[in-house]
Amino acid sequence: MMTTMAALLGALPLALGTGVGAELRRPLGITIVGGLILSQMLTLFTTPVVYIYMDRLQTGIENLRSRRRTTHVPAPAHSD
C-alpha cells in the first residue's frame, strides 16, 4: 500500500499539471494513476480469495487423506 501510494502521489503532478507541454504529459500521468489504483484494488480483492481457495483445497486434501487412513472394520457377528 505504501509503495502504491508513493508512486501514485509521485504521478499526480503529471496527471494534474498545467503549463507548457502539459498536454503531452497528462495522458501518461492519468494512465499511471489509473493503473496503480486498478492494480491495487485487484490485489486487495483477489489475494484473500486465493488464500480462501487454497485453504479449502488443503482442507479437502486432508479430508481425503483421513478417509483413506480409516478403514471400515465389520462388526463381529452375534452368536445366539
C-alpha atoms as a PDB file:
ATOM      1  CA  MET A   1       0.000   0.000   0.000  1.00  0.00           C
ATOM      2  CA  MET A   2       2.763   2.430   0.867  1.00  0.00           C
ATOM      3  CA  THR A   3       4.653   1.808  -2.369  1.00  0.00           C
ATOM      4  CA  THR A   4       1.495   2.270  -4.410  1.00  0.00           C
ATOM      5  CA  MET A   5       0.643   5.483  -2.594  1.00  0.00           C
ATOM      6  CA  ALA A   6       4.167   6.838  -3.087  1.00  0.00           C
ATOM      7  CA  ALA A   7       4.053   6.106  -6.821  1.00  0.00           C
ATOM      8  CA  LEU A   8       0.523   7.466  -7.116  1.00  0.00           C
ATOM      9  CA  LEU A   9       1.385  10.708  -5.339  1.00  0.00           C
ATOM     10  CA  GLY A  10       4.514  11.000  -7.470  1.00  0.00           C
ATOM     11  CA  ALA A  11       2.434  10.719 -10.649  1.00  0.00           C
ATOM     12  CA  LEU A  12      -0.211  13.230  -9.570  1.00  0.00           C
ATOM     13  CA  PRO A  13       1.760  16.258 -10.803  1.00  0.00           C
ATOM     14  CA  LEU A  14       1.860  14.628 -14.246  1.00  0.00           C
ATOM     15  CA  ALA A  15      -1.881  13.976 -14.209  1.00  0.00           C
ATOM     16  CA  LEU A  16      -2.879  17.358 -12.795  1.00  0.00           C
ATOM     17  CA  GLY A  17      -0.128  19.532 -14.213  1.00  0.00           C
ATOM     18  CA  THR A  18      -0.688  22.635 -16.297  1.00  0.00           C
ATOM     19  CA  GLY A  19       1.698  24.730 -18.277  1.00  0.00           C
ATOM     20  CA  VAL A  20       3.864  24.287 -21.311  1.00  0.00           C
ATOM     21  CA  GLY A  21       3.859  20.705 -22.561  1.00  0.00           C
ATOM     22  CA  ALA A  22       1.268  19.522 -20.015  1.00  0.00           C
ATOM     23  CA  GLU A  23      -0.977  18.237 -22.801  1.00  0.00           C
ATOM     24  CA  LEU A  24       1.731  15.708 -23.691  1.00  0.00           C
ATOM     25  CA  ARG A  25       2.422  14.551 -20.125  1.00  0.00           C
ATOM     26  CA  ARG A  26      -1.150  14.463 -18.799  1.00  0.00           C
ATOM     27  CA  PRO A  27      -2.189  11.187 -20.549  1.00  0.00           C
ATOM     28  CA  LEU A  28       0.868   9.467 -19.077  1.00  0.00           C
ATOM     29  CA  GLY A  29       0.031  10.700 -15.578  1.00  0.00           C
ATOM     30  CA  ILE A  30      -3.613   9.660 -15.871  1.00  0.00           C
ATOM     31  CA  THR A  31      -2.566   6.226 -17.126  1.00  0.00           C
ATOM     32  CA  ILE A  32      -0.103   5.747 -14.274  1.00  0.00           C
ATOM     33  CA  VAL A  33      -2.604   6.856 -11.607  1.00  0.00           C
ATOM     34  CA  GLY A  34      -5.422   4.765 -13.082  1.00  0.00           C
ATOM     35  CA  GLY A  35      -3.233   1.688 -13.449  1.00  0.00           C
ATOM     36  CA  LEU A  36      -1.951   1.945  -9.894  1.00  0.00           C
ATOM     37  CA  ILE A  37      -5.458   2.321  -8.482  1.00  0.00           C
ATOM     38  CA  LEU A  38      -6.799  -0.571 -10.555  1.00  0.00           C
ATOM     39  CA  SER A  39      -3.915  -2.903  -9.738  1.00  0.00           C
ATOM     40  CA  GLN A  40      -4.129  -2.088  -6.019  1.00  0.00           C
ATOM     41  CA  MET A  41      -7.873  -2.763  -5.942  1.00  0.00           C
ATOM     42  CA  LEU A  42      -7.450  -6.043  -7.816  1.00  0.00           C
ATOM     43  CA  THR A  43      -4.688  -7.090  -5.437  1.00  0.00           C
ATOM     44  CA  LEU A  44      -6.725  -6.237  -2.348  1.00  0.00           C
ATOM     45  CA  PHE A  45      -9.705  -8.241  -3.604  1.00  0.00           C
ATOM     46  CA  THR A  46      -8.009 -11.224  -5.236  1.00  0.00           C
ATOM     47  CA  THR A  47      -5.371 -12.050  -2.617  1.00  0.00           C
ATOM     48  CA  PRO A  48      -7.874 -13.038   0.109  1.00  0.00           C
ATOM     49  CA  VAL A  49      -9.868 -15.054  -2.439  1.00  0.00           C
ATOM     50  CA  VAL A  50      -6.762 -17.004  -3.461  1.00  0.00           C
ATOM     51  CA  TYR A  51      -5.953 -17.742   0.178  1.00  0.00           C
ATOM     52  CA  ILE A  52      -9.534 -18.907   0.831  1.00  0.00           C
ATOM     53  CA  TYR A  53      -9.421 -21.282  -2.149  1.00  0.00           C
ATOM     54  CA  MET A  54      -6.011 -22.601  -1.113  1.00  0.00           C
ATOM     55  CA  ASP A  55      -7.341 -23.235   2.414  1.00  0.00           C
ATOM     56  CA  ARG A  56     -10.366 -25.073   1.019  1.00  0.00           C
ATOM     57  CA  LEU A  57      -8.103 -27.163  -1.212  1.00  0.00           C
ATOM     58  CA  GLN A  58      -5.885 -28.045   1.748  1.00  0.00           C
ATOM     59  CA  THR A  59      -8.922 -28.974   3.854  1.00  0.00           C
ATOM     60  CA  GLY A  60     -10.240 -31.166   1.028  1.00  0.00           C
ATOM     61  CA  ILE A  61      -6.909 -32.948   0.654  1.00  0.00           C
ATOM     62  CA  GLU A  62      -6.734 -33.524   4.413  1.00  0.00           C
ATOM     63  CA  ASN A  63     -10.271 -34.958   4.374  1.00  0.00           C
ATOM     64  CA  LEU A  64      -9.338 -37.340   1.552  1.00  0.00           C
ATOM     65  CA  ARG A  65      -6.222 -38.483   3.401  1.00  0.00           C
ATOM     66  CA  SER A  66      -8.159 -39.086   6.623  1.00  0.00           C
ATOM     67  CA  ARG A  67     -10.783 -41.125   4.748  1.00  0.00           C
ATOM     68  CA  ARG A  68      -8.081 -43.326   3.238  1.00  0.00           C
ATOM     69  CA  ARG A  69      -6.489 -43.938   6.645  1.00  0.00           C
ATOM     70  CA  THR A  70      -9.687 -45.071   8.292  1.00  0.00           C
ATOM     71  CA  THR A  71     -10.773 -48.440   7.056  1.00  0.00           C
ATOM     72  CA  HIS A  72     -14.151 -49.897   7.694  1.00  0.00           C
ATOM     73  CA  VAL A  73     -13.888 -52.843  10.077  1.00  0.00           C
ATOM     74  CA  PRO A  74     -17.022 -55.007  10.026  1.00  0.00           C
ATOM     75  CA  ALA A  75     -18.689 -55.628  13.365  1.00  0.00           C
ATOM     76  CA  PRO A  76     -18.352 -59.184  14.740  1.00  0.00           C
ATOM     77  CA  ALA A  77     -21.329 -61.466  14.164  1.00  0.00           C
ATOM     78  CA  HIS A  78     -23.520 -62.264  17.142  1.00  0.00           C
ATOM     79  CA  SER A  79     -23.741 -65.882  18.123  1.00  0.00           C
ATOM     80  CA  ASP A  80     -27.064 -66.589  19.762  1.00  0.00           C
END
